[in-house]
């Protein structure tokens, strides 16, 4: 019976150590994610809005287009990757985004942009 309280105390210590280790891991994990998400955005120096394809506008076809763009260190758009949307609207948005210019930076940057095509506007 005397061993039982000692075993219980040891178990409690082990659980506390485990919880402290998990807590530190959780704090570190969340802070590193928050840091990655708060990365400074590149400043846009030239922006061209996409043209709304006339056939889709007349047919009252709209939608949302999402693109991921890779901006070079010089500030030009190197790569445009569609993430979703009507293929015709994606092409219109991609053509406009390829003309965008950003302020130069030390490294290339990846970001996402979204366009809403509304036939009623």
N, C-alpha and C. Protein backbone atom coordinates (compact mmCIF):
# COMPACT_ATOMS: atom_id res chain seq x y z
N UNK A 1 0.80 -1.20 0.00
CA UNK A 1 0.00 0.00 0.00
C UNK A 1 0.85 1.27 0.00
N UNK A 2 2.03 1.21 0.56
CA UNK A 2 2.87 2.39 0.56
C UNK A 2 3.39 2.70 -0.84
N UNK A 3 3.57 1.70 -1.68
CA UNK A 3 4.07 1.92 -3.03
C UNK A 3 3.04 2.61 -3.92
N UNK A 4 1.81 2.42 -3.58
CA UNK A 4 0.77 3.00 -4.43
C UNK A 4 0.85 4.53 -4.49
N UNK A 5 0.96 5.25 -3.40
CA UNK A 5 1.06 6.70 -3.50
C UNK A 5 2.31 7.15 -4.28
N UNK A 6 3.42 6.44 -4.14
CA UNK A 6 4.62 6.79 -4.88
C UNK A 6 4.39 6.59 -6.37
N UNK A 7 3.77 5.48 -6.74
CA UNK A 7 3.48 5.22 -8.15
C UNK A 7 2.53 6.27 -8.71
N UNK A 8 1.57 6.66 -7.88
CA UNK A 8 0.62 7.68 -8.32
C UNK A 8 1.34 9.01 -8.54
N UNK A 9 2.24 9.36 -7.60
CA UNK A 9 2.98 10.61 -7.75
C UNK A 9 3.87 10.58 -9.01
N UNK A 10 4.49 9.45 -9.26
CA UNK A 10 5.33 9.32 -10.45
C UNK A 10 4.50 9.44 -11.72
N UNK A 11 3.32 8.84 -11.69
CA UNK A 11 2.44 8.92 -12.86
C UNK A 11 1.99 10.36 -13.09
N UNK A 12 1.67 11.07 -12.01
CA UNK A 12 1.25 12.46 -12.14
C UNK A 12 2.39 13.31 -12.70
N UNK A 13 3.62 13.10 -12.22
CA UNK A 13 4.77 13.83 -12.74
C UNK A 13 4.97 13.56 -14.23
N UNK A 14 4.84 12.30 -14.61
CA UNK A 14 5.01 11.95 -16.02
C UNK A 14 3.96 12.63 -16.88
N UNK A 15 2.74 12.64 -16.41
CA UNK A 15 1.65 13.28 -17.16
C UNK A 15 1.91 14.78 -17.27
N UNK A 16 2.37 15.39 -16.17
CA UNK A 16 2.65 16.83 -16.21
C UNK A 16 3.77 17.15 -17.20
N UNK A 17 4.81 16.34 -17.20
CA UNK A 17 5.90 16.56 -18.15
C UNK A 17 5.41 16.42 -19.59
N UNK A 18 4.59 15.40 -19.80
CA UNK A 18 4.04 15.19 -21.14
C UNK A 18 3.19 16.38 -21.57
N UNK A 19 2.35 16.86 -20.66
CA UNK A 19 1.49 18.00 -20.98
C UNK A 19 2.32 19.26 -21.24
N UNK A 20 3.39 19.48 -20.46
CA UNK A 20 4.25 20.64 -20.67
C UNK A 20 4.95 20.55 -22.02
N UNK A 21 5.43 19.37 -22.36
CA UNK A 21 6.10 19.18 -23.65
C UNK A 21 5.13 19.43 -24.79
N UNK A 22 3.91 18.88 -24.67
CA UNK A 22 2.90 19.09 -25.70
C UNK A 22 2.54 20.57 -25.81
N UNK A 23 2.42 21.23 -24.66
CA UNK A 23 2.09 22.66 -24.66
C UNK A 23 3.14 23.48 -25.38
N UNK A 24 4.42 23.20 -25.10
CA UNK A 24 5.49 23.91 -25.79
C UNK A 24 5.48 23.64 -27.29
N UNK A 25 5.25 22.39 -27.65
CA UNK A 25 5.17 22.04 -29.07
C UNK A 25 4.03 22.79 -29.75
N UNK A 26 2.87 22.83 -29.06
CA UNK A 26 1.70 23.50 -29.63
C UNK A 26 1.96 25.00 -29.82
N UNK A 27 2.56 25.63 -28.83
CA UNK A 27 2.86 27.06 -28.93
C UNK A 27 3.83 27.31 -30.08
N UNK A 28 4.86 26.51 -30.17
CA UNK A 28 5.84 26.68 -31.25
C UNK A 28 5.19 26.46 -32.61
N UNK A 29 4.37 25.43 -32.70
CA UNK A 29 3.71 25.11 -33.96
C UNK A 29 2.80 26.25 -34.41
N UNK A 30 1.99 26.77 -33.50
CA UNK A 30 1.07 27.85 -33.86
C UNK A 30 1.81 29.13 -34.19
N UNK A 31 2.88 29.43 -33.46
CA UNK A 31 3.60 30.67 -33.74
C UNK A 31 4.31 30.59 -35.09
N UNK A 32 4.81 29.43 -35.47
CA UNK A 32 5.47 29.32 -36.77
C UNK A 32 4.46 29.42 -37.90
N UNK A 33 3.26 28.89 -37.70
CA UNK A 33 2.22 29.02 -38.72
C UNK A 33 1.78 30.46 -38.85
N UNK A 34 1.60 31.13 -37.73
CA UNK A 34 1.17 32.53 -37.76
C UNK A 34 2.23 33.38 -38.47
N UNK A 35 3.48 33.08 -38.24
CA UNK A 35 4.55 33.83 -38.89
C UNK A 35 4.51 33.62 -40.40
N UNK A 36 4.26 32.41 -40.83
CA UNK A 36 4.21 32.12 -42.26
C UNK A 36 3.04 32.84 -42.92
N UNK A 37 1.94 32.98 -42.21
CA UNK A 37 0.76 33.61 -42.79
C UNK A 37 0.87 35.14 -42.78
N UNK A 38 1.68 35.70 -41.89
CA UNK A 38 1.77 37.15 -41.82
C UNK A 38 2.93 37.69 -42.65
N UNK A 39 3.42 36.90 -43.57
CA UNK A 39 4.50 37.33 -44.45
C UNK A 39 4.05 38.58 -45.20
N UNK A 40 4.94 39.55 -45.29
CA UNK A 40 4.57 40.81 -45.92
C UNK A 40 4.23 40.59 -47.40
N UNK A 41 3.19 41.26 -47.83
CA UNK A 41 2.73 41.16 -49.21
C UNK A 41 3.51 42.11 -50.09
N UNK A 42 3.67 41.73 -51.32
CA UNK A 42 4.35 42.59 -52.29
C UNK A 42 3.41 43.72 -52.70
N UNK A 43 3.97 44.88 -52.88
CA UNK A 43 3.17 46.03 -53.29
C UNK A 43 3.00 46.01 -54.81
N UNK A 44 1.77 46.16 -55.22
CA UNK A 44 1.42 46.17 -56.64
C UNK A 44 1.66 47.56 -57.21
N UNK A 45 2.44 47.65 -58.28
CA UNK A 45 2.71 48.96 -58.88
C UNK A 45 1.89 49.19 -60.16
N UNK A 46 1.46 48.13 -60.83
CA UNK A 46 0.60 48.26 -62.02
C UNK A 46 -0.40 47.12 -62.02
N UNK A 47 -1.67 47.48 -62.19
CA UNK A 47 -2.72 46.47 -62.19
C UNK A 47 -3.66 46.71 -63.36
N UNK A 48 -3.94 45.65 -64.08
CA UNK A 48 -4.90 45.71 -65.17
C UNK A 48 -6.07 44.80 -64.80
N UNK A 49 -7.28 45.33 -64.88
CA UNK A 49 -8.46 44.52 -64.58
C UNK A 49 -8.79 43.62 -65.76
N UNK A 50 -9.28 42.41 -65.48
CA UNK A 50 -9.61 41.50 -66.58
C UNK A 50 -10.85 41.95 -67.33
N UNK A 51 -10.86 41.71 -68.61
CA UNK A 51 -12.04 41.99 -69.42
C UNK A 51 -13.05 40.86 -69.25
N UNK A 52 -14.31 41.22 -69.21
CA UNK A 52 -15.38 40.22 -69.07
C UNK A 52 -15.73 39.75 -70.48
N UNK A 53 -15.54 38.48 -70.81
CA UNK A 53 -15.88 37.99 -72.15
C UNK A 53 -17.34 38.29 -72.49
N UNK A 54 -17.56 38.94 -73.60
CA UNK A 54 -18.89 39.41 -73.99
C UNK A 54 -19.90 38.27 -74.09
N UNK A 55 -19.49 37.14 -74.63
CA UNK A 55 -20.44 36.02 -74.78
C UNK A 55 -20.93 35.53 -73.43
N UNK A 56 -20.05 35.50 -72.43
CA UNK A 56 -20.47 35.06 -71.09
C UNK A 56 -21.34 36.12 -70.41
N UNK A 57 -20.99 37.38 -70.61
CA UNK A 57 -21.80 38.45 -70.01
C UNK A 57 -23.21 38.43 -70.58
N UNK A 58 -23.31 38.30 -71.91
CA UNK A 58 -24.63 38.28 -72.55
C UNK A 58 -25.44 37.06 -72.14
N UNK A 59 -24.77 35.94 -71.86
CA UNK A 59 -25.46 34.72 -71.43
C UNK A 59 -25.68 34.71 -69.91
N UNK A 60 -25.33 35.81 -69.24
CA UNK A 60 -25.48 35.94 -67.78
C UNK A 60 -24.73 34.83 -67.03
N UNK A 61 -23.52 34.53 -67.52
CA UNK A 61 -22.68 33.54 -66.87
C UNK A 61 -21.57 34.29 -66.13
N UNK A 62 -21.51 34.08 -64.84
CA UNK A 62 -20.49 34.72 -64.02
C UNK A 62 -19.82 33.68 -63.15
N UNK A 63 -19.11 34.14 -62.18
CA UNK A 63 -18.47 33.22 -61.25
C UNK A 63 -17.23 33.82 -60.63
N UNK A 64 -16.60 33.02 -59.81
CA UNK A 64 -15.39 33.42 -59.11
C UNK A 64 -14.21 32.66 -59.70
N UNK A 65 -13.12 33.37 -59.91
CA UNK A 65 -11.89 32.78 -60.43
C UNK A 65 -10.81 32.97 -59.36
N UNK A 66 -10.12 31.90 -59.02
CA UNK A 66 -9.00 31.96 -58.08
C UNK A 66 -7.73 31.55 -58.81
N UNK A 67 -6.69 32.36 -58.62
CA UNK A 67 -5.40 32.11 -59.26
C UNK A 67 -4.29 32.17 -58.23
N UNK A 68 -3.27 31.34 -58.43
CA UNK A 68 -2.05 31.46 -57.64
C UNK A 68 -1.00 32.01 -58.58
N UNK A 69 -0.32 33.08 -58.14
CA UNK A 69 0.68 33.69 -59.01
C UNK A 69 2.05 33.68 -58.33
N UNK A 70 3.06 33.48 -59.16
CA UNK A 70 4.44 33.52 -58.71
C UNK A 70 5.06 34.80 -59.25
N UNK A 71 5.50 35.66 -58.32
CA UNK A 71 6.06 36.95 -58.68
C UNK A 71 7.58 36.86 -58.57
N UNK A 72 8.28 37.23 -59.61
CA UNK A 72 9.74 37.17 -59.60
C UNK A 72 10.30 38.25 -58.68
N UNK A 73 11.57 38.15 -58.37
CA UNK A 73 12.23 39.16 -57.54
C UNK A 73 12.19 40.53 -58.23
N UNK A 74 12.20 40.53 -59.57
CA UNK A 74 12.15 41.79 -60.33
C UNK A 74 10.78 42.46 -60.26
N UNK A 75 9.73 41.67 -59.95
CA UNK A 75 8.39 42.24 -59.85
C UNK A 75 7.45 41.84 -60.97
N UNK A 76 7.91 40.99 -61.87
CA UNK A 76 7.03 40.53 -62.96
C UNK A 76 6.35 39.23 -62.55
N UNK A 77 5.20 38.98 -63.12
CA UNK A 77 4.46 37.74 -62.85
C UNK A 77 5.05 36.65 -63.73
N UNK A 78 5.64 35.64 -63.09
CA UNK A 78 6.28 34.56 -63.83
C UNK A 78 5.32 33.43 -64.17
N UNK A 79 4.51 33.02 -63.19
CA UNK A 79 3.64 31.87 -63.37
C UNK A 79 2.25 32.18 -62.85
N UNK A 80 1.24 31.76 -63.60
CA UNK A 80 -0.16 31.88 -63.17
C UNK A 80 -0.75 30.48 -63.17
N UNK A 81 -1.21 30.04 -62.00
CA UNK A 81 -1.79 28.70 -61.86
C UNK A 81 -3.26 28.83 -61.47
N UNK A 82 -4.18 28.33 -62.30
CA UNK A 82 -5.60 28.40 -61.94
C UNK A 82 -5.91 27.47 -60.76
N UNK A 83 -6.69 27.98 -59.81
CA UNK A 83 -7.12 27.19 -58.67
C UNK A 83 -8.61 26.88 -58.73
N UNK A 84 -9.33 27.58 -59.60
CA UNK A 84 -10.75 27.31 -59.74
C UNK A 84 -11.45 28.38 -60.54
N UNK A 85 -12.55 27.96 -61.17
CA UNK A 85 -13.36 28.91 -61.93
C UNK A 85 -13.66 28.41 -63.33
N UNK A 86 -14.57 29.09 -63.98
CA UNK A 86 -14.94 28.81 -65.37
C UNK A 86 -13.71 28.99 -66.25
N UNK A 87 -13.39 28.02 -67.10
CA UNK A 87 -12.16 28.11 -67.90
C UNK A 87 -12.04 29.38 -68.76
N UNK A 88 -13.15 29.87 -69.29
CA UNK A 88 -13.10 31.08 -70.10
C UNK A 88 -12.79 32.29 -69.23
N UNK A 89 -13.38 32.34 -68.03
CA UNK A 89 -13.11 33.43 -67.10
C UNK A 89 -11.68 33.32 -66.55
N UNK A 90 -11.22 32.11 -66.35
CA UNK A 90 -9.83 31.89 -65.89
C UNK A 90 -8.86 32.47 -66.91
N UNK A 91 -9.12 32.24 -68.17
CA UNK A 91 -8.24 32.74 -69.23
C UNK A 91 -8.22 34.27 -69.24
N UNK A 92 -9.39 34.89 -69.07
CA UNK A 92 -9.47 36.36 -69.06
C UNK A 92 -8.71 36.92 -67.85
N UNK A 93 -8.90 36.31 -66.69
CA UNK A 93 -8.22 36.78 -65.48
C UNK A 93 -6.71 36.56 -65.58
N UNK A 94 -6.31 35.41 -66.10
CA UNK A 94 -4.88 35.10 -66.24
C UNK A 94 -4.18 36.07 -67.17
N UNK A 95 -4.84 36.41 -68.26
CA UNK A 95 -4.24 37.36 -69.22
C UNK A 95 -4.00 38.72 -68.56
N UNK A 96 -4.93 39.15 -67.74
CA UNK A 96 -4.77 40.44 -67.06
C UNK A 96 -3.66 40.37 -66.01
N UNK A 97 -3.64 39.30 -65.23
CA UNK A 97 -2.66 39.16 -64.14
C UNK A 97 -1.24 39.08 -64.68
N UNK A 98 -1.06 38.48 -65.84
CA UNK A 98 0.28 38.38 -66.44
C UNK A 98 0.88 39.76 -66.74
N UNK A 99 0.03 40.77 -66.86
CA UNK A 99 0.50 42.13 -67.14
C UNK A 99 0.81 42.93 -65.87
N UNK A 100 0.45 42.40 -64.71
CA UNK A 100 0.68 43.11 -63.46
C UNK A 100 2.16 43.26 -63.19
N UNK A 101 2.50 44.34 -62.49
CA UNK A 101 3.88 44.61 -62.07
C UNK A 101 3.88 44.88 -60.56
N UNK A 102 4.89 44.33 -59.90
CA UNK A 102 5.06 44.52 -58.47
C UNK A 102 6.37 45.24 -58.19
N UNK A 103 6.48 45.79 -57.01
CA UNK A 103 7.73 46.43 -56.57
C UNK A 103 8.77 45.33 -56.41
N UNK A 104 9.99 45.54 -56.89
CA UNK A 104 11.04 44.51 -56.74
C UNK A 104 11.30 44.15 -55.27
N UNK A 105 11.76 42.93 -55.06
CA UNK A 105 12.07 42.44 -53.71
C UNK A 105 13.29 41.53 -53.78
N UNK A 106 13.70 41.02 -52.63
CA UNK A 106 14.88 40.16 -52.57
C UNK A 106 14.64 38.77 -53.14
N UNK A 107 13.43 38.27 -52.98
CA UNK A 107 13.12 36.91 -53.43
C UNK A 107 11.80 36.89 -54.19
N UNK A 108 11.52 35.77 -54.82
CA UNK A 108 10.22 35.62 -55.48
C UNK A 108 9.15 35.37 -54.42
N UNK A 109 7.92 35.65 -54.79
CA UNK A 109 6.79 35.55 -53.87
C UNK A 109 5.65 34.83 -54.55
N UNK A 110 4.94 34.02 -53.77
CA UNK A 110 3.75 33.34 -54.25
C UNK A 110 2.55 33.94 -53.52
N UNK A 111 1.49 34.23 -54.25
CA UNK A 111 0.28 34.75 -53.63
C UNK A 111 -0.94 34.27 -54.41
N UNK A 112 -2.10 34.43 -53.81
CA UNK A 112 -3.35 34.05 -54.48
C UNK A 112 -4.20 35.29 -54.68
N UNK A 113 -4.88 35.32 -55.81
CA UNK A 113 -5.81 36.41 -56.12
C UNK A 113 -7.15 35.81 -56.52
N UNK A 114 -8.18 36.61 -56.34
CA UNK A 114 -9.54 36.15 -56.64
C UNK A 114 -10.29 37.25 -57.38
N UNK A 115 -11.00 36.85 -58.41
CA UNK A 115 -11.82 37.77 -59.20
C UNK A 115 -13.26 37.28 -59.19
N UNK A 116 -14.20 38.22 -59.08
CA UNK A 116 -15.61 37.87 -59.17
C UNK A 116 -16.16 38.52 -60.43
N UNK A 117 -16.67 37.68 -61.31
CA UNK A 117 -17.30 38.15 -62.54
C UNK A 117 -18.81 38.12 -62.32
N UNK A 118 -19.43 39.30 -62.33
CA UNK A 118 -20.86 39.41 -62.08
C UNK A 118 -21.52 40.02 -63.33
N UNK A 119 -22.35 39.25 -64.03
CA UNK A 119 -22.96 39.77 -65.26
C UNK A 119 -23.93 40.94 -65.03
N UNK A 120 -24.35 41.16 -63.80
CA UNK A 120 -25.28 42.24 -63.52
C UNK A 120 -24.60 43.57 -63.30
N UNK A 121 -23.27 43.57 -63.22
CA UNK A 121 -22.56 44.84 -63.01
C UNK A 121 -22.06 45.39 -64.29
